[in-house]
Structures are given as C-alpha cells and as structure tokens.
C-alpha cells in the first residue's frame, strides 16, 4: 500500500493502527520508480504511544 499526501522529510503525520493513533515525523521517502516508491520511514514523536507496540513485543518474543 502506497502512502499518499507525504511530500517532504520532516513532515509530521498521524498514523493509526486498529484503535491506536499517534504522531510521527517522516525521516525518509522512497524514491519514485524504485522498489521503495510510495513508502516512508517514520520516527515516533510520542514514544509512549507507539502504535505497533504489541506487534513488536510479539516479534521480539518469537525471535528468542
């Protein structure tokens, strides 16, 4: 799924996953016409409210 509406590094975006929503800063944008086109990298601006927290905990536990 491509991300739309993001056009510059440093932009603040709201992301939602299930019933959790949080602010993130865009730290990279995929170059058009590459395998990363339409993708972004983000950094949490609200570290206590990470929307992927449960999924990350499960993956860490599975990797041990």
N, C-alpha and C. Protein backbone atom coordinates (compact mmCIF):
# COMPACT_ATOMS: atom_id res chain seq x y z
N UNK A 1 0.84 -1.18 0.00
CA UNK A 1 0.00 0.00 0.00
C UNK A 1 0.89 1.25 0.00
N UNK A 2 0.68 2.11 -0.92
CA UNK A 2 1.46 3.35 -1.02
C UNK A 2 0.90 4.41 -0.07
N UNK A 3 1.79 5.27 0.39
CA UNK A 3 1.41 6.37 1.27
C UNK A 3 1.20 7.60 0.40
N UNK A 4 0.07 8.27 0.58
CA UNK A 4 -0.19 9.48 -0.19
C UNK A 4 -0.22 10.69 0.74
N UNK A 5 0.00 11.86 0.19
CA UNK A 5 -0.07 13.09 0.98
C UNK A 5 1.20 13.45 1.72
N UNK A 6 2.23 12.62 1.59
CA UNK A 6 3.51 12.91 2.23
C UNK A 6 4.44 13.39 1.14
N UNK A 7 5.00 14.62 1.32
CA UNK A 7 5.83 15.15 0.25
C UNK A 7 7.17 15.71 0.69
N UNK A 8 7.48 15.64 2.00
CA UNK A 8 8.80 16.11 2.41
C UNK A 8 9.26 15.48 3.72
N UNK A 9 10.56 15.25 3.80
CA UNK A 9 11.17 14.75 5.03
C UNK A 9 11.00 15.84 6.09
N UNK A 10 10.70 15.43 7.30
CA UNK A 10 10.46 16.36 8.39
C UNK A 10 8.99 16.64 8.62
N UNK A 11 8.16 16.26 7.68
CA UNK A 11 6.72 16.45 7.79
C UNK A 11 6.17 15.62 8.95
N UNK A 12 5.21 16.15 9.66
CA UNK A 12 4.55 15.42 10.74
C UNK A 12 3.28 14.77 10.19
N UNK A 13 3.10 13.49 10.51
CA UNK A 13 1.92 12.76 10.06
C UNK A 13 1.29 12.04 11.24
N UNK A 14 -0.01 11.83 11.15
CA UNK A 14 -0.73 10.99 12.11
C UNK A 14 -0.91 9.63 11.47
N UNK A 15 -0.57 8.56 12.19
CA UNK A 15 -0.80 7.19 11.72
C UNK A 15 -1.71 6.49 12.70
N UNK A 16 -2.55 5.62 12.17
CA UNK A 16 -3.47 4.86 13.02
C UNK A 16 -3.37 3.39 12.67
N UNK A 17 -3.36 2.56 13.70
CA UNK A 17 -3.38 1.10 13.55
C UNK A 17 -4.39 0.57 14.54
N UNK A 18 -5.42 -0.06 14.04
CA UNK A 18 -6.54 -0.52 14.88
C UNK A 18 -7.08 0.68 15.66
N UNK A 19 -7.09 0.63 16.97
CA UNK A 19 -7.66 1.73 17.75
C UNK A 19 -6.60 2.66 18.34
N UNK A 20 -5.35 2.55 17.89
CA UNK A 20 -4.27 3.40 18.39
C UNK A 20 -3.86 4.40 17.32
N UNK A 21 -3.62 5.64 17.73
CA UNK A 21 -3.26 6.70 16.81
C UNK A 21 -2.13 7.51 17.45
N UNK A 22 -1.14 7.92 16.64
CA UNK A 22 0.00 8.65 17.18
C UNK A 22 0.65 9.51 16.09
N UNK A 23 1.44 10.50 16.53
CA UNK A 23 2.15 11.39 15.60
C UNK A 23 3.55 10.85 15.32
N UNK A 24 3.95 10.99 14.06
CA UNK A 24 5.27 10.55 13.62
C UNK A 24 5.90 11.61 12.73
N UNK A 25 7.22 11.64 12.69
CA UNK A 25 7.95 12.53 11.78
C UNK A 25 8.51 11.69 10.64
N UNK A 26 8.31 12.15 9.42
CA UNK A 26 8.83 11.47 8.24
C UNK A 26 10.35 11.67 8.20
N UNK A 27 11.10 10.55 8.15
CA UNK A 27 12.56 10.66 8.12
C UNK A 27 13.15 10.24 6.77
N UNK A 28 12.38 9.55 5.93
CA UNK A 28 12.79 9.29 4.55
C UNK A 28 11.57 8.99 3.70
N UNK A 29 11.71 9.25 2.42
CA UNK A 29 10.65 9.00 1.44
C UNK A 29 11.26 8.18 0.31
N UNK A 30 10.60 7.10 -0.05
CA UNK A 30 11.09 6.25 -1.13
C UNK A 30 11.17 7.00 -2.45
N UNK A 31 12.23 6.75 -3.18
CA UNK A 31 12.46 7.40 -4.47
C UNK A 31 11.48 6.85 -5.51
N UNK A 32 10.83 7.74 -6.27
CA UNK A 32 9.91 7.27 -7.33
C UNK A 32 10.62 6.33 -8.30
N UNK A 33 9.86 5.40 -8.84
CA UNK A 33 10.35 4.44 -9.84
C UNK A 33 11.41 3.49 -9.28
N UNK A 34 11.40 3.27 -7.96
CA UNK A 34 12.27 2.27 -7.34
C UNK A 34 11.39 1.33 -6.52
N UNK A 35 11.99 0.31 -5.95
CA UNK A 35 11.22 -0.63 -5.13
C UNK A 35 10.67 0.03 -3.87
N UNK A 36 11.20 1.19 -3.49
CA UNK A 36 10.73 1.89 -2.29
C UNK A 36 9.75 3.01 -2.59
N UNK A 37 9.36 3.18 -3.84
CA UNK A 37 8.41 4.22 -4.21
C UNK A 37 7.11 4.03 -3.43
N UNK A 38 6.57 5.13 -2.92
CA UNK A 38 5.32 5.07 -2.17
C UNK A 38 5.49 4.68 -0.72
N UNK A 39 6.73 4.46 -0.27
CA UNK A 39 6.98 4.09 1.12
C UNK A 39 7.63 5.25 1.86
N UNK A 40 7.45 5.27 3.18
CA UNK A 40 8.10 6.28 4.01
C UNK A 40 8.69 5.62 5.25
N UNK A 41 9.68 6.27 5.83
CA UNK A 41 10.23 5.88 7.12
C UNK A 41 9.80 6.94 8.12
N UNK A 42 9.40 6.51 9.30
CA UNK A 42 8.91 7.46 10.30
C UNK A 42 9.60 7.25 11.64
N UNK A 43 9.59 8.31 12.44
CA UNK A 43 10.13 8.30 13.80
C UNK A 43 9.01 8.74 14.74
N UNK A 44 8.82 8.01 15.82
CA UNK A 44 7.76 8.34 16.77
C UNK A 44 8.02 9.68 17.46
N UNK A 45 7.00 10.52 17.47
CA UNK A 45 7.07 11.78 18.21
C UNK A 45 6.44 11.64 19.60
N UNK A 46 5.76 10.53 19.81
CA UNK A 46 5.14 10.23 21.10
C UNK A 46 5.60 8.82 21.51
N UNK A 47 6.85 8.67 21.98
CA UNK A 47 7.40 7.34 22.25
C UNK A 47 6.58 6.49 23.21
N UNK A 48 5.81 7.10 24.05
CA UNK A 48 4.98 6.33 24.98
C UNK A 48 3.71 5.80 24.31
N UNK A 49 3.49 6.19 23.05
CA UNK A 49 2.27 5.82 22.35
C UNK A 49 2.60 5.24 20.97
N UNK A 50 3.39 4.18 20.94
CA UNK A 50 3.78 3.56 19.67
C UNK A 50 2.67 2.62 19.21
N UNK A 51 2.18 2.84 18.00
CA UNK A 51 1.01 2.09 17.54
C UNK A 51 1.31 0.64 17.20
N UNK A 52 2.58 0.29 17.01
CA UNK A 52 2.96 -1.09 16.69
C UNK A 52 3.51 -1.83 17.91
N UNK A 53 3.35 -1.28 19.09
CA UNK A 53 3.98 -1.84 20.29
C UNK A 53 3.67 -3.32 20.49
N UNK A 54 2.42 -3.72 20.40
CA UNK A 54 2.07 -5.12 20.62
C UNK A 54 2.71 -6.05 19.60
N UNK A 55 2.70 -5.65 18.33
CA UNK A 55 3.30 -6.48 17.28
C UNK A 55 4.81 -6.61 17.48
N UNK A 56 5.47 -5.53 17.89
CA UNK A 56 6.91 -5.57 18.12
C UNK A 56 7.25 -6.49 19.29
N UNK A 57 6.47 -6.44 20.37
CA UNK A 57 6.71 -7.32 21.52
C UNK A 57 6.59 -8.78 21.11
N UNK A 58 5.57 -9.10 20.32
CA UNK A 58 5.37 -10.47 19.88
C UNK A 58 6.55 -10.94 19.02
N UNK A 59 7.01 -10.10 18.09
CA UNK A 59 8.13 -10.49 17.23
C UNK A 59 9.41 -10.67 18.03
N UNK A 60 9.62 -9.84 19.02
CA UNK A 60 10.82 -9.99 19.86
C UNK A 60 10.77 -11.31 20.63
N UNK A 61 9.62 -11.62 21.18
CA UNK A 61 9.48 -12.87 21.93
C UNK A 61 9.64 -14.09 21.02
N UNK A 62 9.14 -14.01 19.78
CA UNK A 62 9.26 -15.13 18.84
C UNK A 62 10.70 -15.33 18.37
N UNK A 63 11.50 -14.28 18.38
CA UNK A 63 12.86 -14.40 17.88
C UNK A 63 13.83 -14.95 18.93
N UNK A 64 13.39 -15.12 20.13
CA UNK A 64 14.28 -15.63 21.18
C UNK A 64 14.33 -17.13 21.19
